[in-house]
Amino acid sequence: MQRLVTLLFFLGTLCVTAAQATETLRVLAWPGYADGDLVQAFEQQFDVRVKVTLVDSDAVLAQKIGAKQGGDFDVVAANTVEIKRYIDRKWLQPLTAPNMPNIARQLLRFRNAKAIPGITHLGDVYAVPYTFSEMGLIYDRKQFKAPPTSLTVLWDPAYQGRILAFDGSSHNYSIVSLAFGGEPFQIDDAAYARVTKHLIDLRRNVLTFYSLSEESVALFKQHNVAVLFANYGQQQFKQLRDSGADVGYVIPKEGALAWLDCWAVTRGARNKLLAERWINYMLEPKVSVELTRRQGLGNTLDASANTLETDKILWLEPVENDQRRAALWLRFMSGDRPERF
């Protein structure tokens, strides 16, 4: 009997040890970037576990990655502006290119890291481009005789209560400034009052501000929305069409902000090689093509998936003062009186 108890204890110890030995890769990303079946395939290939945490805004992303200076996650997906900020704050570490041979599969414009602002520092590469989209306008074709051509349609009183806009401080200040002839990324002190007034006018015209792409699709269909500012671009367009909505998509004449999301390895990564294997796996053609097929987003491997109108695209850049924009946006969303700005 004693031998049986000892054997059972030994086998139990082995099971616990084996479970503890299974490595876990901690991924911080946006919805659609790490679907369950693709994660499972990676787990099986490398005999590891993957824990995916999803975010719905750059603010939440920064909060999570910065809580322990990257220590809570191993690999993160973020746009180039955020990547630069994380590099400056030492939340990321340089990448080892030979561990990611699939970089060679990327289109030249994405393979040349030095030509992409924000992802290199002192000669080291900190991020690998993964997906991109411009921020266009989605409109209900039944409510327009001709497609809208300008961002100023968001302020058109004819569509009051039927406009959806994105809940984000930095992007909205950039969009408003761009719509009314200003510089989107560097707003000077003299222009802040004017831009904020336009934001207040926008608040009065919109139905609401959304955060997630899926949320915008539901709101669009439930409330007879006329125009949606598409922060997620082609992804939202695809989701609406797949849901049966009769919609069109345009790049406004003023131009469109565009984001380029990249994968990066945190300073606190437990296993840098495993994190880089994840990035390499994300660049497998069979994985990247799913990003386009399922989400409608551009991938960095397939030229046919590049829908950007390059002459109208404004890649996101660091803004003059993101903290100031965030503070004003918080006041704006809380309903602070116009005369107080």
C-alpha atoms as a PDB file:
ATOM      1  CA  MET A   1       0.000   0.000   0.000  1.00  0.00           C
ATOM      2  CA  GLN A   2       2.814   2.338   0.909  1.00  0.00           C
ATOM      3  CA  ARG A   3       4.473   1.658  -2.447  1.00  0.00           C
ATOM      4  CA  LEU A   4       1.228   2.484  -4.244  1.00  0.00           C
ATOM      5  CA  VAL A   5       0.883   5.798  -2.377  1.00  0.00           C
ATOM      6  CA  THR A   6       4.504   6.630  -3.155  1.00  0.00           C
ATOM      7  CA  LEU A   7       4.007   5.791  -6.836  1.00  0.00           C
ATOM      8  CA  LEU A   8       0.868   7.898  -7.091  1.00  0.00           C
ATOM      9  CA  PHE A   9       2.642  10.813  -5.408  1.00  0.00           C
ATOM     10  CA  PHE A  10       5.559  10.451  -7.811  1.00  0.00           C
ATOM     11  CA  LEU A  11       3.284  10.377 -10.863  1.00  0.00           C
ATOM     12  CA  GLY A  12       1.375  13.396  -9.561  1.00  0.00           C
ATOM     13  CA  THR A  13       4.619  15.285  -9.101  1.00  0.00           C
ATOM     14  CA  LEU A  14       5.635  14.453 -12.665  1.00  0.00           C
ATOM     15  CA  CYS A  15       2.325  15.796 -14.005  1.00  0.00           C
ATOM     16  CA  VAL A  16       2.685  19.052 -12.061  1.00  0.00           C
ATOM     17  CA  THR A  17       6.296  19.425 -13.201  1.00  0.00           C
ATOM     18  CA  ALA A  18       5.302  18.779 -16.832  1.00  0.00           C
ATOM     19  CA  ALA A  19       2.533  21.363 -16.640  1.00  0.00           C
ATOM     20  CA  GLN A  20       4.890  23.897 -15.146  1.00  0.00           C
ATOM     21  CA  ALA A  21       7.465  23.130 -17.842  1.00  0.00           C
ATOM     22  CA  THR A  22       5.091  24.203 -20.640  1.00  0.00           C
ATOM     23  CA  GLU A  23       6.157  27.673 -21.603  1.00  0.00           C
ATOM     24  CA  THR A  24       3.588  30.441 -21.998  1.00  0.00           C
ATOM     25  CA  LEU A  25       3.949  33.231 -24.556  1.00  0.00           C
ATOM     26  CA  ARG A  26       2.090  36.357 -23.455  1.00  0.00           C
ATOM     27  CA  VAL A  27       0.692  38.295 -26.428  1.00  0.00           C
ATOM     28  CA  LEU A  28      -0.835  41.785 -26.270  1.00  0.00           C
ATOM     29  CA  ALA A  29      -2.729  42.662 -29.445  1.00  0.00           C
ATOM     30  CA  TRP A  30      -5.836  43.992 -31.156  1.00  0.00           C
ATOM     31  CA  PRO A  31      -8.945  41.941 -32.065  1.00  0.00           C
ATOM     32  CA  GLY A  32      -8.377  39.862 -35.193  1.00  0.00           C
ATOM     33  CA  TYR A  33      -4.595  39.763 -34.871  1.00  0.00           C
ATOM     34  CA  ALA A  34      -4.395  36.436 -33.026  1.00  0.00           C
ATOM     35  CA  ASP A  35      -7.425  34.287 -33.845  1.00  0.00           C
ATOM     36  CA  GLY A  36      -7.883  31.085 -31.881  1.00  0.00           C
ATOM     37  CA  ASP A  37      -7.151  28.609 -34.671  1.00  0.00           C
ATOM     38  CA  LEU A  38      -3.941  30.398 -35.647  1.00  0.00           C
ATOM     39  CA  VAL A  39      -2.857  30.563 -32.015  1.00  0.00           C
ATOM     40  CA  GLN A  40      -3.555  26.855 -31.614  1.00  0.00           C
ATOM     41  CA  ALA A  41      -1.427  26.009 -34.649  1.00  0.00           C
ATOM     42  CA  PHE A  42       1.479  27.989 -33.166  1.00  0.00           C
ATOM     43  CA  GLU A  43       1.055  26.229 -29.818  1.00  0.00           C
ATOM     44  CA  GLN A  44       1.189  22.829 -31.479  1.00  0.00           C
ATOM     45  CA  GLN A  45       4.160  23.728 -33.652  1.00  0.00           C
ATOM     46  CA  PHE A  46       6.305  24.937 -30.750  1.00  0.00           C
ATOM     47  CA  ASP A  47       4.741  22.941 -27.896  1.00  0.00           C
ATOM     48  CA  VAL A  48       3.904  26.057 -25.890  1.00  0.00           C
ATOM     49  CA  ARG A  49       0.875  27.868 -24.556  1.00  0.00           C
ATOM     50  CA  VAL A  50      -0.171  31.315 -25.794  1.00  0.00           C
ATOM     51  CA  LYS A  51      -2.090  33.746 -23.618  1.00  0.00           C
ATOM     52  CA  VAL A  52      -3.650  36.526 -25.708  1.00  0.00           C
ATOM     53  CA  THR A  53      -4.798  39.809 -24.164  1.00  0.00           C
ATOM     54  CA  LEU A  54      -6.842  42.100 -26.427  1.00  0.00           C
ATOM     55  CA  VAL A  55      -7.113  45.894 -26.256  1.00  0.00           C
ATOM     56  CA  ASP A  56      -9.535  48.409 -27.757  1.00  0.00           C
ATOM     57  CA  SER A  57      -7.492  51.622 -27.716  1.00  0.00           C
ATOM     58  CA  ASP A  58      -3.939  52.933 -27.783  1.00  0.00           C
ATOM     59  CA  ALA A  59      -4.470  54.299 -24.271  1.00  0.00           C
ATOM     60  CA  VAL A  60      -5.331  50.854 -22.902  1.00  0.00           C
ATOM     61  CA  LEU A  61      -2.442  49.342 -24.829  1.00  0.00           C
ATOM     62  CA  ALA A  62       0.032  51.792 -23.295  1.00  0.00           C
ATOM     63  CA  GLN A  63      -1.425  51.291 -19.838  1.00  0.00           C
ATOM     64  CA  LYS A  64      -1.027  47.524 -20.016  1.00  0.00           C
ATOM     65  CA  ILE A  65       2.416  47.479 -21.582  1.00  0.00           C
ATOM     66  CA  GLY A  66       3.697  50.197 -19.266  1.00  0.00           C
ATOM     67  CA  ALA A  67       2.352  48.781 -15.999  1.00  0.00           C
ATOM     68  CA  LYS A  68       5.570  46.843 -15.427  1.00  0.00           C
ATOM     69  CA  GLN A  69       7.618  48.333 -18.269  1.00  0.00           C
ATOM     70  CA  GLY A  70       6.675  45.429 -20.520  1.00  0.00           C
ATOM     71  CA  GLY A  71       7.103  42.790 -17.846  1.00  0.00           C
ATOM     72  CA  ASP A  72       3.543  41.470 -18.096  1.00  0.00           C
ATOM     73  CA  PHE A  73       3.858  40.592 -21.798  1.00  0.00           C
ATOM     74  CA  ASP A  74       6.368  39.111 -24.218  1.00  0.00           C
ATOM     75  CA  VAL A  75       5.215  40.408 -27.588  1.00  0.00           C
ATOM     76  CA  VAL A  76       2.991  43.357 -28.484  1.00  0.00           C
ATOM     77  CA  ALA A  77       1.259  44.741 -31.590  1.00  0.00           C
ATOM     78  CA  ALA A  78       1.216  48.535 -31.824  1.00  0.00           C
ATOM     79  CA  ASN A  79       1.307  51.274 -34.429  1.00  0.00           C
ATOM     80  CA  THR A  80       4.552  53.013 -35.304  1.00  0.00           C
ATOM     81  CA  VAL A  81       3.846  56.096 -33.178  1.00  0.00           C
ATOM     82  CA  GLU A  82       3.260  53.946 -30.103  1.00  0.00           C
ATOM     83  CA  ILE A  83       6.313  51.839 -30.918  1.00  0.00           C
ATOM     84  CA  LYS A  84       8.503  54.945 -30.906  1.00  0.00           C
ATOM     85  CA  ARG A  85       7.057  55.983 -27.558  1.00  0.00           C
ATOM     86  CA  TYR A  86       7.704  52.518 -26.110  1.00  0.00           C
ATOM     87  CA  ILE A  87      11.272  52.555 -27.412  1.00  0.00           C
ATOM     88  CA  ASP A  88      11.885  55.931 -25.795  1.00  0.00           C
ATOM     89  CA  ARG A  89      10.527  54.607 -22.501  1.00  0.00           C
ATOM     90  CA  LYS A  90      12.699  51.468 -22.783  1.00  0.00           C
ATOM     91  CA  TRP A  91       9.727  49.107 -22.776  1.00  0.00           C
ATOM     92  CA  LEU A  92      10.989  47.232 -25.856  1.00  0.00           C
ATOM     93  CA  GLN A  93      14.202  45.491 -26.859  1.00  0.00           C
ATOM     94  CA  PRO A  94      16.012  45.252 -30.220  1.00  0.00           C
ATOM     95  CA  LEU A  95      15.118  42.355 -32.497  1.00  0.00           C
ATOM     96  CA  THR A  96      17.386  39.677 -33.919  1.00  0.00           C
ATOM     97  CA  ALA A  97      16.576  39.546 -37.628  1.00  0.00           C
ATOM     98  CA  PRO A  98      17.984  36.029 -38.337  1.00  0.00           C
ATOM     99  CA  ASN A  99      15.367  34.622 -35.954  1.00  0.00           C
ATOM    100  CA  MET A 100      12.649  35.950 -38.274  1.00  0.00           C
ATOM    101  CA  PRO A 101      13.547  34.749 -41.798  1.00  0.00           C
ATOM    102  CA  ASN A 102      10.041  35.482 -43.080  1.00  0.00           C
ATOM    103  CA  ILE A 103      10.945  39.174 -43.113  1.00  0.00           C
ATOM    104  CA  ALA A 104      12.460  38.368 -46.504  1.00  0.00           C
ATOM    105  CA  ARG A 105       8.929  37.610 -47.766  1.00  0.00           C
ATOM    106  CA  GLN A 106       7.700  41.147 -47.073  1.00  0.00           C
ATOM    107  CA  LEU A 107       7.203  43.801 -49.724  1.00  0.00           C
ATOM    108  CA  LEU A 108      10.185  46.128 -50.000  1.00  0.00           C
ATOM    109  CA  ARG A 109       8.339  49.135 -48.527  1.00  0.00           C
ATOM    110  CA  PHE A 110       7.850  47.156 -45.294  1.00  0.00           C
ATOM    111  CA  ARG A 111      11.159  45.298 -45.333  1.00  0.00           C
ATOM    112  CA  ASN A 112      13.259  48.456 -45.254  1.00  0.00           C
ATOM    113  CA  ALA A 113      13.004  49.227 -41.532  1.00  0.00           C
ATOM    114  CA  LYS A 114      15.183  52.336 -41.732  1.00  0.00           C
ATOM    115  CA  ALA A 115      12.656  53.926 -44.098  1.00  0.00           C
ATOM    116  CA  ILE A 116       9.796  53.500 -41.603  1.00  0.00           C
ATOM    117  CA  PRO A 117       9.781  56.242 -38.954  1.00  0.00           C
ATOM    118  CA  GLY A 118       9.513  55.108 -35.368  1.00  0.00           C
ATOM    119  CA  ILE A 119      10.709  51.489 -35.420  1.00  0.00           C
ATOM    120  CA  THR A 120      14.490  51.923 -35.252  1.00  0.00           C
ATOM    121  CA  HIS A 121      16.788  53.533 -32.705  1.00  0.00           C
ATOM    122  CA  LEU A 122      20.566  53.974 -32.807  1.00  0.00           C
ATOM    123  CA  GLY A 123      20.805  51.489 -35.656  1.00  0.00           C
ATOM    124  CA  ASP A 124      18.749  48.758 -33.968  1.00  0.00           C
ATOM    125  CA  VAL A 125      15.386  47.520 -35.258  1.00  0.00           C
ATOM    126  CA  TYR A 126      12.679  47.208 -32.619  1.00  0.00           C
ATOM    127  CA  ALA A 127       9.570  46.249 -34.606  1.00  0.00           C
ATOM    128  CA  VAL A 128       8.385  44.368 -37.695  1.00  0.00           C
ATOM    129  CA  PRO A 129       5.445  45.742 -39.762  1.00  0.00           C
ATOM    130  CA  TYR A 130       2.417  43.456 -39.769  1.00  0.00           C
ATOM    131  CA  THR A 131      -0.750  45.193 -40.977  1.00  0.00           C
ATOM    132  CA  PHE A 132      -2.043  48.604 -42.035  1.00  0.00           C
ATOM    133  CA  SER A 133      -5.101  50.583 -43.037  1.00  0.00           C
ATOM    134  CA  GLU A 134      -6.126  54.098 -43.844  1.00  0.00           C
ATOM    135  CA  MET A 135      -8.957  55.822 -41.937  1.00  0.00           C
ATOM    136  CA  GLY A 136     -11.578  56.553 -44.591  1.00  0.00           C
ATOM    137  CA  LEU A 137     -15.301  57.287 -44.572  1.00  0.00           C
ATOM    138  CA  ILE A 138     -17.962  54.602 -44.781  1.00  0.00           C
ATOM    139  CA  TYR A 139     -21.364  55.797 -45.945  1.00  0.00           C
ATOM    140  CA  ASP A 140     -24.845  54.340 -46.368  1.00  0.00           C
ATOM    141  CA  ARG A 141     -25.400  54.248 -50.113  1.00  0.00           C
ATOM    142  CA  LYS A 142     -29.163  54.576 -49.658  1.00  0.00           C
ATOM    143  CA  GLN A 143     -28.739  57.965 -47.972  1.00  0.00           C
ATOM    144  CA  PHE A 144     -26.370  59.513 -50.524  1.00  0.00           C
ATOM    145  CA  LYS A 145     -27.007  60.273 -54.173  1.00  0.00           C
ATOM    146  CA  ALA A 146     -23.234  60.636 -54.595  1.00  0.00           C
ATOM    147  CA  PRO A 147     -20.418  59.554 -52.259  1.00  0.00           C
ATOM    148  CA  PRO A 148     -19.279  62.146 -49.707  1.00  0.00           C
ATOM    149  CA  THR A 149     -15.959  63.670 -50.677  1.00  0.00           C
ATOM    150  CA  SER A 150     -14.859  65.577 -47.568  1.00  0.00           C
ATOM    151  CA  LEU A 151     -14.263  64.986 -43.885  1.00  0.00           C
ATOM    152  CA  THR A 152     -16.547  67.962 -43.256  1.00  0.00           C
ATOM    153  CA  VAL A 153     -19.533  65.683 -43.897  1.00  0.00           C
ATOM    154  CA  LEU A 154     -19.120  64.671 -40.250  1.00  0.00           C
ATOM    155  CA  TRP A 155     -20.354  68.156 -39.317  1.00  0.00           C
ATOM    156  CA  ASP A 156     -23.208  68.303 -41.823  1.00  0.00           C
ATOM    157  CA  PRO A 157     -26.433  69.105 -39.872  1.00  0.00           C
ATOM    158  CA  ALA A 158     -28.431  67.156 -42.470  1.00  0.00           C
ATOM    159  CA  TYR A 159     -27.027  63.972 -40.873  1.00  0.00           C
ATOM    160  CA  GLN A 160     -27.261  65.002 -37.225  1.00  0.00           C
ATOM    161  CA  GLY A 161     -27.630  61.952 -35.005  1.00  0.00           C
ATOM    162  CA  ARG A 162     -26.610  59.649 -37.859  1.00  0.00           C
ATOM    163  CA  ILE A 163     -22.833  60.131 -37.646  1.00  0.00           C
ATOM    164  CA  LEU A 164     -20.482  57.704 -35.903  1.00  0.00           C
ATOM    165  CA  ALA A 165     -17.009  58.898 -34.847  1.00  0.00           C
ATOM    166  CA  PHE A 166     -14.109  57.237 -33.083  1.00  0.00           C
ATOM    167  CA  ASP A 167     -13.416  57.652 -29.366  1.00  0.00           C
ATOM    168  CA  GLY A 168      -9.773  58.710 -29.394  1.00  0.00           C
ATOM    169  CA  SER A 169      -8.061  61.926 -28.357  1.00  0.00           C
ATOM    170  CA  SER A 170      -5.039  62.050 -30.629  1.00  0.00           C
ATOM    171  CA  HIS A 171      -6.735  60.886 -33.832  1.00  0.00           C
ATOM    172  CA  ASN A 172      -9.706  63.212 -33.407  1.00  0.00           C
ATOM    173  CA  TYR A 173      -7.592  66.309 -32.905  1.00  0.00           C
ATOM    174  CA  SER A 174      -5.626  65.335 -36.020  1.00  0.00           C
ATOM    175  CA  ILE A 175      -8.777  64.685 -38.058  1.00  0.00           C
ATOM    176  CA  VAL A 176     -10.436  67.951 -37.063  1.00  0.00           C
ATOM    177  CA  SER A 177      -7.325  69.953 -37.827  1.00  0.00           C
ATOM    178  CA  LEU A 178      -6.961  68.201 -41.184  1.00  0.00           C
ATOM    179  CA  ALA A 179     -10.636  68.715 -42.068  1.00  0.00           C
ATOM    180  CA  PHE A 180     -10.395  72.475 -41.603  1.00  0.00           C
ATOM    181  CA  GLY A 181      -7.094  73.059 -43.346  1.00  0.00           C
ATOM    182  CA  GLY A 182      -4.644  72.648 -40.459  1.00  0.00           C
ATOM    183  CA  GLU A 183      -1.620  70.512 -39.739  1.00  0.00           C
ATOM    184  CA  PRO A 184      -2.827  67.173 -38.298  1.00  0.00           C
ATOM    185  CA  PHE A 185       0.108  66.167 -36.127  1.00  0.00           C
ATOM    186  CA  GLN A 186       1.562  69.471 -34.932  1.00  0.00           C
ATOM    187  CA  ILE A 187      -1.202  71.778 -33.711  1.00  0.00           C
ATOM    188  CA  ASP A 188       0.157  75.056 -32.351  1.00  0.00           C
ATOM    189  CA  ASP A 189      -1.186  76.777 -29.253  1.00  0.00           C
ATOM    190  CA  ALA A 190      -3.089  79.374 -31.246  1.00  0.00           C
ATOM    191  CA  ALA A 191      -5.056  76.685 -33.105  1.00  0.00           C
ATOM    192  CA  TYR A 192      -6.112  74.611 -30.099  1.00  0.00           C
ATOM    193  CA  ALA A 193      -9.190  76.697 -29.259  1.00  0.00           C
ATOM    194  CA  ARG A 194     -10.386  76.583 -32.870  1.00  0.00           C
ATOM    195  CA  VAL A 195      -9.874  72.820 -33.164  1.00  0.00           C
ATOM    196  CA  THR A 196     -11.556  72.166 -29.821  1.00  0.00           C
ATOM    197  CA  LYS A 197     -14.573  74.227 -30.909  1.00  0.00           C
ATOM    198  CA  HIS A 198     -14.910  72.066 -33.999  1.00  0.00           C
ATOM    199  CA  LEU A 199     -14.722  68.989 -31.754  1.00  0.00           C
ATOM    200  CA  ILE A 200     -17.555  70.359 -29.621  1.00  0.00           C
ATOM    201  CA  ASP A 201     -19.593  70.933 -32.780  1.00  0.00           C
ATOM    202  CA  LEU A 202     -18.831  67.357 -33.817  1.00  0.00           C
ATOM    203  CA  ARG A 203     -20.031  66.040 -30.463  1.00  0.00           C
ATOM    204  CA  ARG A 204     -23.343  67.779 -31.053  1.00  0.00           C
ATOM    205  CA  ASN A 205     -23.695  66.215 -34.503  1.00  0.00           C
ATOM    206  CA  VAL A 206     -22.725  62.586 -33.819  1.00  0.00           C
ATOM    207  CA  LEU A 207     -24.860  59.742 -32.580  1.00  0.00           C
ATOM    208  CA  THR A 208     -21.987  58.570 -30.404  1.00  0.00           C
ATOM    209  CA  PHE A 209     -18.280  57.697 -30.341  1.00  0.00           C
ATOM    210  CA  TYR A 210     -17.278  54.034 -30.673  1.00  0.00           C
ATOM    211  CA  SER A 211     -14.148  52.153 -29.629  1.00  0.00           C
ATOM    212  CA  LEU A 212     -14.165  48.728 -31.294  1.00  0.00           C
ATOM    213  CA  SER A 213     -14.774  47.919 -34.941  1.00  0.00           C
ATOM    214  CA  GLU A 214     -17.470  45.383 -34.043  1.00  0.00           C
ATOM    215  CA  GLU A 215     -19.216  48.009 -31.915  1.00  0.00           C
ATOM    216  CA  SER A 216     -19.350  50.431 -34.838  1.00  0.00           C
ATOM    217  CA  VAL A 217     -20.900  47.796 -37.100  1.00  0.00           C
ATOM    218  CA  ALA A 218     -23.683  47.093 -34.608  1.00  0.00           C
ATOM    219  CA  LEU A 219     -24.384  50.793 -34.076  1.00  0.00           C
ATOM    220  CA  PHE A 220     -24.365  51.488 -37.814  1.00  0.00           C
ATOM    221  CA  LYS A 221     -27.062  48.907 -38.465  1.00  0.00           C
ATOM    222  CA  GLN A 222     -29.194  49.619 -35.405  1.00  0.00           C
ATOM    223  CA  HIS A 223     -29.421  53.395 -35.791  1.00  0.00           C
ATOM    224  CA  ASN A 224     -29.693  54.054 -39.540  1.00  0.00           C
ATOM    225  CA  VAL A 225     -26.257  55.680 -39.544  1.00  0.00           C
ATOM    226  CA  ALA A 226     -25.394  57.730 -42.622  1.00  0.00           C
ATOM    227  CA  VAL A 227     -21.625  58.191 -42.211  1.00  0.00           C
ATOM    228  CA  LEU A 228     -19.015  56.363 -40.166  1.00  0.00           C
ATOM    229  CA  PHE A 229     -15.519  57.696 -39.633  1.00  0.00           C
ATOM    230  CA  ALA A 230     -13.661  54.409 -40.092  1.00  0.00           C
ATOM    231  CA  ASN A 231     -10.754  54.330 -37.677  1.00  0.00           C
ATOM    232  CA  TYR A 232     -10.226  50.682 -38.687  1.00  0.00           C
ATOM    233  CA  GLY A 233     -10.715  51.424 -42.380  1.00  0.00           C
ATOM    234  CA  GLN A 234     -11.125  48.452 -44.673  1.00  0.00           C
ATOM    235  CA  GLN A 235     -11.728  46.153 -41.709  1.00  0.00           C
ATOM    236  CA  GLN A 236     -14.962  47.954 -40.825  1.00  0.00           C
ATOM    237  CA  PHE A 237     -15.958  48.183 -44.475  1.00  0.00           C
ATOM    238  CA  LYS A 238     -15.623  44.421 -44.864  1.00  0.00           C
ATOM    239  CA  GLN A 239     -17.501  43.709 -41.637  1.00  0.00           C
ATOM    240  CA  LEU A 240     -20.410  45.916 -42.691  1.00  0.00           C
ATOM    241  CA  ARG A 241     -20.617  44.403 -46.161  1.00  0.00           C
ATOM    242  CA  ASP A 242     -20.420  40.894 -44.710  1.00  0.00           C
ATOM    243  CA  SER A 243     -23.337  41.797 -42.444  1.00  0.00           C
ATOM    244  CA  GLY A 244     -25.446  42.790 -45.437  1.00  0.00           C
ATOM    245  CA  ALA A 245     -25.152  46.580 -45.189  1.00  0.00           C
ATOM    246  CA  ASP A 246     -25.265  48.523 -48.463  1.00  0.00           C
ATOM    247  CA  VAL A 247     -22.232  50.732 -47.891  1.00  0.00           C
ATOM    248  CA  GLY A 248     -19.516  52.531 -49.812  1.00  0.00           C
ATOM    249  CA  TYR A 249     -15.994  53.523 -48.786  1.00  0.00           C
ATOM    250  CA  VAL A 250     -14.073  56.659 -49.753  1.00  0.00           C
ATOM    251  CA  ILE A 251     -10.830  58.440 -48.979  1.00  0.00           C
ATOM    252  CA  PRO A 252     -11.729  62.110 -48.343  1.00  0.00           C
ATOM    253  CA  LYS A 253     -10.189  64.834 -50.470  1.00  0.00           C
ATOM    254  CA  GLU A 254      -8.252  66.222 -47.472  1.00  0.00           C
ATOM    255  CA  GLY A 255      -6.439  62.892 -47.182  1.00  0.00           C
ATOM    256  CA  ALA A 256      -6.647  60.105 -44.624  1.00  0.00           C
ATOM    257  CA  LEU A 257      -4.617  59.222 -41.590  1.00  0.00           C
ATOM    258  CA  ALA A 258      -3.162  55.743 -41.873  1.00  0.00           C
ATOM    259  CA  TRP A 259      -1.710  53.429 -39.276  1.00  0.00           C
ATOM    260  CA  LEU A 260       0.933  50.741 -39.614  1.00  0.00           C
ATOM    261  CA  ASP A 261       0.827  48.162 -36.834  1.00  0.00           C
ATOM    262  CA  CYS A 262       3.972  46.235 -35.980  1.00  0.00           C
ATOM    263  CA  TRP A 263       5.009  43.364 -33.735  1.00  0.00           C
ATOM    264  CA  ALA A 264       7.658  44.068 -31.095  1.00  0.00           C
ATOM    265  CA  VAL A 265       9.276  42.220 -28.193  1.00  0.00           C
ATOM    266  CA  THR A 266       9.032  43.737 -24.731  1.00  0.00           C
ATOM    267  CA  ARG A 267      11.976  44.461 -22.460  1.00  0.00           C
ATOM    268  CA  GLY A 268      10.487  41.989 -19.969  1.00  0.00           C
ATOM    269  CA  ALA A 269      10.026  39.078 -22.387  1.00  0.00           C
ATOM    270  CA  ARG A 270      10.733  35.759 -20.690  1.00  0.00           C
ATOM    271  CA  ASN A 271      11.918  34.091 -23.884  1.00  0.00           C
ATOM    272  CA  LYS A 272      13.008  36.498 -26.633  1.00  0.00           C
ATOM    273  CA  LEU A 273      13.547  33.712 -29.174  1.00  0.00           C
ATOM    274  CA  LEU A 274      10.017  32.391 -28.667  1.00  0.00           C
ATOM    275  CA  ALA A 275       8.620  35.911 -29.071  1.00  0.00           C
ATOM    276  CA  GLU A 276      10.547  36.319 -32.324  1.00  0.00           C
ATOM    277  CA  ARG A 277       9.262  32.938 -33.500  1.00  0.00           C
ATOM    278  CA  TRP A 278       5.758  34.307 -32.973  1.00  0.00           C
ATOM    279  CA  ILE A 279       6.567  37.328 -35.146  1.00  0.00           C
ATOM    280  CA  ASN A 280       8.038  35.059 -37.800  1.00  0.00           C
ATOM    281  CA  TYR A 281       4.932  32.861 -37.656  1.00  0.00           C
ATOM    282  CA  MET A 282       2.710  35.921 -38.155  1.00  0.00           C
ATOM    283  CA  LEU A 283       4.593  36.523 -41.418  1.00  0.00           C
ATOM    284  CA  GLU A 284       3.811  33.074 -42.787  1.00  0.00           C
ATOM    285  CA  PRO A 285       1.758  33.567 -45.968  1.00  0.00           C
ATOM    286  CA  LYS A 286      -0.985  31.236 -44.725  1.00  0.00           C
ATOM    287  CA  VAL A 287      -1.311  33.379 -41.589  1.00  0.00           C
ATOM    288  CA  SER A 288      -0.986  36.837 -43.140  1.00  0.00           C
ATOM    289  CA  VAL A 289      -3.516  36.077 -45.868  1.00  0.00           C
ATOM    290  CA  GLU A 290      -6.073  35.237 -43.171  1.00  0.00           C
ATOM    291  CA  LEU A 291      -5.630  38.731 -41.749  1.00  0.00           C
ATOM    292  CA  THR A 292      -6.786  40.140 -45.076  1.00  0.00           C
ATOM    293  CA  ARG A 293      -9.448  37.513 -45.777  1.00  0.00           C
ATOM    294  CA  ARG A 294     -11.034  37.661 -42.330  1.00  0.00           C
ATOM    295  CA  GLN A 295     -10.462  41.266 -41.301  1.00  0.00           C
ATOM    296  CA  GLY A 296     -10.138  43.138 -44.591  1.00  0.00           C
ATOM    297  CA  LEU A 297      -6.822  44.625 -43.455  1.00  0.00           C
ATOM    298  CA  GLY A 298      -3.727  44.969 -45.598  1.00  0.00           C
ATOM    299  CA  ASN A 299      -0.848  42.579 -44.993  1.00  0.00           C
ATOM    300  CA  THR A 300       2.825  43.203 -45.659  1.00  0.00           C
ATOM    301  CA  LEU A 301       3.389  40.255 -48.015  1.00  0.00           C
ATOM    302  CA  ASP A 302       0.783  40.584 -50.737  1.00  0.00           C
ATOM    303  CA  ALA A 303       0.844  43.563 -53.089  1.00  0.00           C
ATOM    304  CA  SER A 304      -2.752  42.872 -54.179  1.00  0.00           C
ATOM    305  CA  ALA A 305      -3.884  43.437 -50.571  1.00  0.00           C
ATOM    306  CA  ASN A 306      -2.449  46.968 -50.622  1.00  0.00           C
ATOM    307  CA  THR A 307      -5.472  49.199 -51.140  1.00  0.00           C
ATOM    308  CA  LEU A 308      -3.876  52.439 -50.012  1.00  0.00           C
ATOM    309  CA  GLU A 309      -4.230  55.524 -52.207  1.00  0.00           C
ATOM    310  CA  THR A 310      -0.665  56.560 -51.563  1.00  0.00           C
ATOM    311  CA  ASP A 311      -1.093  60.135 -52.765  1.00  0.00           C
ATOM    312  CA  LYS A 312      -3.709  60.790 -50.066  1.00  0.00           C
ATOM    313  CA  ILE A 313      -2.230  58.803 -47.197  1.00  0.00           C
ATOM    314  CA  LEU A 314      -0.767  60.456 -44.095  1.00  0.00           C
ATOM    315  CA  TRP A 315       1.095  57.897 -41.995  1.00  0.00           C
ATOM    316  CA  LEU A 316       0.613  58.555 -38.301  1.00  0.00           C
ATOM    317  CA  GLU A 317       3.338  60.663 -36.718  1.00  0.00           C
ATOM    318  CA  PRO A 318       4.039  61.700 -33.129  1.00  0.00           C
ATOM    319  CA  VAL A 319       1.882  64.661 -32.119  1.00  0.00           C
ATOM    320  CA  GLU A 320       2.950  67.901 -30.470  1.00  0.00           C
ATOM    321  CA  ASN A 321       1.599  66.920 -27.029  1.00  0.00           C
ATOM    322  CA  ASP A 322      -0.363  63.700 -26.638  1.00  0.00           C
ATOM    323  CA  GLN A 323      -0.970  64.318 -22.932  1.00  0.00           C
ATOM    324  CA  ARG A 324      -2.550  67.684 -23.637  1.00  0.00           C
ATOM    325  CA  ARG A 325      -4.773  66.161 -26.300  1.00  0.00           C
ATOM    326  CA  ALA A 326      -5.821  63.364 -23.935  1.00  0.00           C
ATOM    327  CA  ALA A 327      -6.626  65.786 -21.101  1.00  0.00           C
ATOM    328  CA  LEU A 328      -8.719  68.021 -23.354  1.00  0.00           C
ATOM    329  CA  TRP A 329     -10.479  65.014 -24.867  1.00  0.00           C
ATOM    330  CA  LEU A 330     -11.402  63.771 -21.386  1.00  0.00           C
ATOM    331  CA  ARG A 331     -12.947  67.134 -20.573  1.00  0.00           C
ATOM    332  CA  PHE A 332     -14.648  67.212 -23.955  1.00  0.00           C
ATOM    333  CA  MET A 333     -16.186  63.730 -23.498  1.00  0.00           C
ATOM    334  CA  SER A 334     -17.289  64.500 -19.948  1.00  0.00           C
ATOM    335  CA  GLY A 335     -19.451  67.344 -21.269  1.00  0.00           C
ATOM    336  CA  ASP A 336     -17.424  70.299 -20.054  1.00  0.00           C
ATOM    337  CA  ARG A 337     -19.001  73.572 -21.165  1.00  0.00           C
ATOM    338  CA  PRO A 338     -17.614  75.051 -24.408  1.00  0.00           C
ATOM    339  CA  GLU A 339     -16.697  78.372 -22.814  1.00  0.00           C
ATOM    340  CA  ARG A 340     -14.357  76.580 -20.387  1.00  0.00           C
ATOM    341  CA  PHE A 341     -11.977  75.449 -23.121  1.00  0.00           C
END
